N, C-alpha and C. Protein backbone atom coordinates (compact mmCIF):
# COMPACT_ATOMS: atom_id res chain seq x y z
N MET A 1 -142.22 -24.00 80.43
CA MET A 1 -142.82 -23.36 79.28
C MET A 1 -142.96 -21.86 79.57
N LYS A 2 -142.55 -21.04 78.63
CA LYS A 2 -142.66 -19.60 78.79
C LYS A 2 -144.09 -19.14 78.63
N LYS A 3 -144.42 -17.99 79.21
CA LYS A 3 -145.77 -17.46 79.11
C LYS A 3 -145.96 -16.55 77.91
N LYS A 4 -145.00 -15.62 77.68
CA LYS A 4 -145.07 -14.79 76.47
C LYS A 4 -143.76 -14.07 76.25
N ALA A 5 -143.55 -13.64 75.00
CA ALA A 5 -142.30 -12.95 74.64
C ALA A 5 -142.50 -12.18 73.35
N LYS A 6 -141.60 -11.20 73.13
CA LYS A 6 -141.55 -10.48 71.86
C LYS A 6 -140.26 -10.90 71.17
N ILE A 7 -140.39 -11.28 69.91
CA ILE A 7 -139.27 -11.81 69.12
C ILE A 7 -139.34 -11.19 67.74
N THR A 8 -138.20 -11.04 67.08
CA THR A 8 -138.22 -10.53 65.70
C THR A 8 -137.79 -11.62 64.73
N ARG A 9 -138.30 -11.54 63.52
CA ARG A 9 -137.94 -12.44 62.42
C ARG A 9 -137.97 -11.63 61.13
N LYS A 10 -137.22 -12.11 60.13
CA LYS A 10 -137.26 -11.48 58.80
C LYS A 10 -138.21 -12.26 57.92
N ILE A 11 -138.91 -11.54 57.06
CA ILE A 11 -139.78 -12.18 56.08
C ILE A 11 -138.88 -12.70 54.96
N GLY A 12 -138.98 -13.99 54.68
CA GLY A 12 -138.20 -14.61 53.62
C GLY A 12 -138.99 -14.62 52.32
N ALA A 13 -138.59 -15.50 51.42
CA ALA A 13 -139.27 -15.60 50.13
C ALA A 13 -139.30 -17.05 49.67
N ASN A 14 -140.32 -17.39 48.91
CA ASN A 14 -140.43 -18.68 48.27
C ASN A 14 -141.18 -18.47 46.96
N LYS A 15 -140.53 -18.79 45.86
CA LYS A 15 -141.12 -18.65 44.53
C LYS A 15 -141.65 -17.23 44.30
N GLY A 16 -140.88 -16.24 44.78
CA GLY A 16 -141.24 -14.84 44.56
C GLY A 16 -142.28 -14.27 45.50
N ASN A 17 -142.76 -15.06 46.45
CA ASN A 17 -143.76 -14.59 47.40
C ASN A 17 -143.16 -14.45 48.79
N PRO A 18 -143.68 -13.51 49.60
CA PRO A 18 -143.22 -13.39 50.98
C PRO A 18 -143.53 -14.66 51.77
N ARG A 19 -142.62 -14.99 52.71
CA ARG A 19 -142.79 -16.21 53.49
C ARG A 19 -142.38 -15.98 54.94
N LEU A 20 -143.22 -16.42 55.87
CA LEU A 20 -142.90 -16.39 57.29
C LEU A 20 -142.76 -17.84 57.74
N TRP A 21 -141.57 -18.17 58.25
CA TRP A 21 -141.25 -19.55 58.65
C TRP A 21 -140.91 -19.52 60.14
N LEU A 22 -141.70 -20.23 60.94
CA LEU A 22 -141.44 -20.35 62.37
C LEU A 22 -141.19 -21.82 62.68
N GLU A 23 -140.17 -22.10 63.50
CA GLU A 23 -139.87 -23.50 63.76
C GLU A 23 -139.17 -23.71 65.08
N GLY A 24 -139.16 -24.97 65.49
CA GLY A 24 -138.33 -25.46 66.58
C GLY A 24 -138.56 -24.87 67.94
N LYS A 25 -137.44 -24.48 68.58
CA LYS A 25 -137.44 -24.04 69.97
C LYS A 25 -138.44 -22.91 70.23
N LEU A 26 -138.53 -21.96 69.30
CA LEU A 26 -139.48 -20.86 69.45
C LEU A 26 -140.88 -21.38 69.72
N LEU A 27 -141.34 -22.33 68.93
CA LEU A 27 -142.69 -22.88 69.09
C LEU A 27 -142.78 -23.77 70.33
N LEU A 28 -141.80 -24.64 70.53
CA LEU A 28 -141.83 -25.56 71.66
C LEU A 28 -141.86 -24.84 73.01
N GLU A 29 -141.10 -23.75 73.14
CA GLU A 29 -141.06 -23.01 74.40
C GLU A 29 -142.41 -22.44 74.82
N PHE A 30 -143.29 -22.26 73.86
CA PHE A 30 -144.60 -21.69 74.16
C PHE A 30 -145.73 -22.70 73.99
N GLY A 31 -145.38 -23.97 73.88
CA GLY A 31 -146.39 -25.02 73.83
C GLY A 31 -147.08 -25.19 72.49
N TRP A 32 -146.45 -24.72 71.40
CA TRP A 32 -146.99 -24.95 70.06
C TRP A 32 -146.32 -26.21 69.53
N ASN A 33 -147.08 -27.31 69.50
CA ASN A 33 -146.52 -28.62 69.15
C ASN A 33 -147.09 -29.13 67.83
N ARG A 34 -146.35 -30.04 67.22
CA ARG A 34 -146.81 -30.67 65.98
C ARG A 34 -148.22 -31.21 66.19
N GLY A 35 -149.10 -30.91 65.25
CA GLY A 35 -150.48 -31.39 65.31
C GLY A 35 -151.44 -30.42 65.98
N ASP A 36 -150.94 -29.42 66.70
CA ASP A 36 -151.84 -28.42 67.30
C ASP A 36 -152.56 -27.68 66.18
N HIS A 37 -153.82 -27.41 66.39
CA HIS A 37 -154.62 -26.70 65.39
C HIS A 37 -154.66 -25.22 65.72
N PHE A 38 -154.64 -24.41 64.67
CA PHE A 38 -154.71 -22.97 64.85
C PHE A 38 -155.46 -22.36 63.67
N PHE A 39 -155.98 -21.16 63.91
CA PHE A 39 -156.71 -20.44 62.87
C PHE A 39 -155.93 -19.18 62.54
N PRO A 40 -155.49 -19.02 61.29
CA PRO A 40 -154.80 -17.79 60.92
C PRO A 40 -155.80 -16.71 60.51
N SER A 41 -155.56 -15.48 60.92
CA SER A 41 -156.39 -14.37 60.44
C SER A 41 -155.45 -13.29 59.92
N TYR A 42 -155.83 -12.70 58.81
CA TYR A 42 -154.98 -11.75 58.09
C TYR A 42 -155.69 -10.40 58.05
N ALA A 43 -154.96 -9.34 58.38
CA ALA A 43 -155.51 -7.98 58.32
C ALA A 43 -154.39 -7.03 57.93
N ALA A 44 -154.74 -5.79 57.64
CA ALA A 44 -153.74 -4.80 57.26
C ALA A 44 -152.73 -4.65 58.40
N GLY A 45 -151.47 -4.95 58.10
CA GLY A 45 -150.41 -4.79 59.08
C GLY A 45 -150.39 -5.80 60.21
N LYS A 46 -151.12 -6.92 60.05
CA LYS A 46 -151.19 -7.87 61.17
C LYS A 46 -151.56 -9.28 60.68
N LEU A 47 -150.88 -10.25 61.25
CA LEU A 47 -151.18 -11.67 61.02
C LEU A 47 -151.29 -12.29 62.41
N THR A 48 -152.38 -13.01 62.65
CA THR A 48 -152.59 -13.63 63.96
C THR A 48 -152.85 -15.12 63.79
N TYR A 49 -152.13 -15.95 64.57
CA TYR A 49 -152.41 -17.37 64.67
C TYR A 49 -153.04 -17.60 66.03
N SER A 50 -154.26 -18.14 66.07
CA SER A 50 -154.94 -18.42 67.34
C SER A 50 -155.18 -19.91 67.45
N LYS A 51 -154.71 -20.52 68.55
CA LYS A 51 -154.93 -21.96 68.74
C LYS A 51 -156.42 -22.24 68.85
N THR A 52 -156.83 -23.36 68.28
CA THR A 52 -158.24 -23.76 68.32
C THR A 52 -158.31 -25.25 68.61
N PRO A 53 -159.42 -25.68 69.19
CA PRO A 53 -159.59 -27.14 69.28
C PRO A 53 -159.86 -27.66 67.88
N LYS A 54 -159.59 -28.92 67.64
CA LYS A 54 -159.82 -29.48 66.31
C LYS A 54 -161.32 -29.53 66.06
N LEU A 55 -161.76 -28.79 65.06
CA LEU A 55 -163.17 -28.74 64.71
C LEU A 55 -163.36 -29.30 63.31
N ARG A 56 -164.21 -30.24 63.18
CA ARG A 56 -164.44 -30.89 61.90
C ARG A 56 -164.95 -29.90 60.86
N GLY A 57 -164.27 -29.86 59.73
CA GLY A 57 -164.71 -29.03 58.62
C GLY A 57 -164.36 -27.55 58.76
N SER A 58 -163.64 -27.16 59.81
CA SER A 58 -163.30 -25.75 59.96
C SER A 58 -162.03 -25.44 59.15
N PRO A 59 -161.80 -24.16 58.85
CA PRO A 59 -160.68 -23.80 57.98
C PRO A 59 -159.34 -23.66 58.72
N GLU A 60 -159.23 -24.28 59.88
CA GLU A 60 -157.97 -24.13 60.61
C GLU A 60 -156.84 -24.89 59.96
N ARG A 61 -155.64 -24.59 60.41
CA ARG A 61 -154.44 -25.29 59.96
C ARG A 61 -153.86 -26.03 61.15
N ALA A 62 -152.84 -26.84 60.89
CA ALA A 62 -152.17 -27.57 61.96
C ALA A 62 -150.67 -27.31 61.89
N VAL A 63 -150.04 -27.30 63.06
CA VAL A 63 -148.58 -27.17 63.12
C VAL A 63 -147.98 -28.41 62.48
N ALA A 64 -147.06 -28.21 61.55
CA ALA A 64 -146.42 -29.32 60.83
C ALA A 64 -145.09 -29.68 61.50
N GLY A 65 -144.26 -30.44 60.80
CA GLY A 65 -142.94 -30.79 61.29
C GLY A 65 -142.93 -32.07 62.10
N THR A 66 -142.03 -32.11 63.09
CA THR A 66 -141.91 -33.28 63.96
C THR A 66 -142.13 -32.84 65.41
N SER A 67 -142.16 -33.80 66.31
CA SER A 67 -142.35 -33.45 67.72
C SER A 67 -141.17 -32.65 68.26
N CYS A 68 -139.99 -32.83 67.69
CA CYS A 68 -138.79 -32.09 68.13
C CYS A 68 -138.60 -30.78 67.37
N ARG A 69 -139.24 -30.67 66.21
CA ARG A 69 -139.07 -29.48 65.36
C ARG A 69 -140.39 -29.11 64.70
N PRO A 70 -141.32 -28.54 65.49
CA PRO A 70 -142.59 -28.11 64.89
C PRO A 70 -142.37 -26.95 63.94
N ILE A 71 -143.23 -26.83 62.94
CA ILE A 71 -143.08 -25.80 61.91
C ILE A 71 -144.43 -25.17 61.59
N ILE A 72 -144.42 -23.83 61.50
CA ILE A 72 -145.55 -23.09 60.93
C ILE A 72 -144.97 -22.33 59.75
N ASP A 73 -145.46 -22.64 58.55
CA ASP A 73 -144.97 -22.05 57.31
C ASP A 73 -146.12 -21.32 56.64
N THR A 74 -145.99 -20.01 56.49
CA THR A 74 -147.03 -19.22 55.84
C THR A 74 -146.38 -18.49 54.67
N CYS A 75 -146.89 -18.76 53.47
CA CYS A 75 -146.29 -18.21 52.27
C CYS A 75 -147.38 -17.86 51.26
N GLY A 76 -147.24 -16.71 50.64
CA GLY A 76 -148.18 -16.34 49.59
C GLY A 76 -148.20 -14.84 49.36
N ALA A 77 -148.70 -14.46 48.21
CA ALA A 77 -148.78 -13.04 47.85
C ALA A 77 -149.63 -12.26 48.84
N PHE A 78 -150.60 -12.93 49.48
CA PHE A 78 -151.49 -12.26 50.44
C PHE A 78 -150.71 -11.67 51.62
N LEU A 79 -149.54 -12.23 51.95
CA LEU A 79 -148.76 -11.66 53.06
C LEU A 79 -148.35 -10.23 52.74
N GLY A 80 -148.02 -9.98 51.48
CA GLY A 80 -147.69 -8.62 51.07
C GLY A 80 -148.94 -7.79 50.82
N ALA A 81 -149.89 -8.36 50.07
CA ALA A 81 -151.08 -7.62 49.67
C ALA A 81 -152.01 -7.30 50.85
N THR A 82 -152.24 -8.26 51.73
CA THR A 82 -153.18 -8.06 52.83
C THR A 82 -152.49 -7.57 54.09
N CYS A 83 -151.40 -8.22 54.47
CA CYS A 83 -150.73 -7.88 55.73
C CYS A 83 -149.69 -6.78 55.58
N GLY A 84 -149.20 -6.58 54.36
CA GLY A 84 -148.19 -5.56 54.14
C GLY A 84 -146.78 -6.00 54.48
N PHE A 85 -146.54 -7.32 54.55
CA PHE A 85 -145.22 -7.86 54.86
C PHE A 85 -144.49 -8.15 53.56
N ASN A 86 -143.32 -7.57 53.41
CA ASN A 86 -142.55 -7.76 52.18
C ASN A 86 -141.24 -8.48 52.47
N THR A 87 -140.77 -9.22 51.47
CA THR A 87 -139.53 -9.98 51.59
C THR A 87 -138.41 -9.08 52.09
N GLY A 88 -137.68 -9.57 53.10
CA GLY A 88 -136.54 -8.85 53.65
C GLY A 88 -136.87 -7.94 54.82
N GLU A 89 -138.14 -7.65 55.03
CA GLU A 89 -138.53 -6.79 56.15
C GLU A 89 -138.51 -7.58 57.46
N THR A 90 -138.29 -6.87 58.56
CA THR A 90 -138.31 -7.47 59.88
C THR A 90 -139.68 -7.28 60.50
N VAL A 91 -140.19 -8.35 61.10
CA VAL A 91 -141.48 -8.30 61.79
C VAL A 91 -141.28 -8.67 63.26
N GLU A 92 -142.22 -8.23 64.08
CA GLU A 92 -142.20 -8.56 65.50
C GLU A 92 -143.27 -9.61 65.78
N LEU A 93 -142.91 -10.62 66.54
CA LEU A 93 -143.84 -11.66 66.94
C LEU A 93 -144.11 -11.53 68.44
N LYS A 94 -145.36 -11.44 68.81
CA LYS A 94 -145.75 -11.50 70.21
C LYS A 94 -146.31 -12.91 70.40
N VAL A 95 -145.56 -13.74 71.11
CA VAL A 95 -145.86 -15.17 71.20
C VAL A 95 -146.36 -15.51 72.60
N SER A 96 -147.44 -16.28 72.66
CA SER A 96 -147.94 -16.81 73.93
C SER A 96 -148.43 -18.23 73.68
N ARG A 97 -148.94 -18.87 74.72
CA ARG A 97 -149.43 -20.25 74.61
C ARG A 97 -150.57 -20.39 73.61
N LEU A 98 -151.43 -19.37 73.53
CA LEU A 98 -152.64 -19.49 72.71
C LEU A 98 -152.65 -18.65 71.44
N LYS A 99 -151.66 -17.74 71.29
CA LYS A 99 -151.71 -16.83 70.16
C LYS A 99 -150.32 -16.38 69.75
N ILE A 100 -150.15 -16.18 68.44
CA ILE A 100 -148.95 -15.54 67.89
C ILE A 100 -149.45 -14.38 67.04
N VAL A 101 -149.00 -13.16 67.38
CA VAL A 101 -149.39 -11.97 66.63
C VAL A 101 -148.15 -11.42 65.94
N VAL A 102 -148.24 -11.24 64.62
CA VAL A 102 -147.11 -10.77 63.82
C VAL A 102 -147.46 -9.38 63.29
N THR A 103 -146.57 -8.40 63.56
CA THR A 103 -146.75 -7.03 63.08
C THR A 103 -145.42 -6.51 62.55
N PRO A 104 -145.45 -5.48 61.70
CA PRO A 104 -144.19 -4.91 61.23
C PRO A 104 -143.41 -4.33 62.40
N LEU A 105 -142.10 -4.46 62.35
CA LEU A 105 -141.26 -3.87 63.39
C LEU A 105 -141.27 -2.36 63.19
N LYS A 106 -141.58 -1.65 64.25
CA LYS A 106 -141.61 -0.19 64.15
C LYS A 106 -140.19 0.33 63.97
N PRO A 107 -139.99 1.30 63.08
CA PRO A 107 -138.66 1.84 62.87
C PRO A 107 -138.13 2.50 64.14
N SER A 108 -136.84 2.43 64.33
CA SER A 108 -136.20 3.04 65.49
C SER A 108 -136.30 4.56 65.39
N LYS A 109 -136.53 5.22 66.53
CA LYS A 109 -136.59 6.68 66.55
C LYS A 109 -135.19 7.28 66.38
N CYS A 110 -134.15 6.47 66.56
CA CYS A 110 -132.78 6.96 66.45
C CYS A 110 -132.30 6.96 64.99
N ALA A 111 -133.00 6.29 64.12
CA ALA A 111 -132.54 6.14 62.73
C ALA A 111 -132.69 7.43 61.96
């Protein structure tokens, strides 16, 4: 199991709203398995998934999918309005065993 990495992904779309879809090997390599509970937090320019123990009545979410292909699917207008992520843009993921932090990819200084 890897300890941490930086990875890029593009923001997709579903029904006109921005969508971040994470699945499979990316999650498995860092110990994010189907059924694991996490708490998403949304802020300007940042989305964070933090693993949590299962707490009764708490607003956490769970990793979906199968044991071979876990999935975290986040979709909604709030991704654009709150986090500033728009369809087609590239974001950077800082992934570890306990946290996934998503931020906009900084533009290249060479561009």
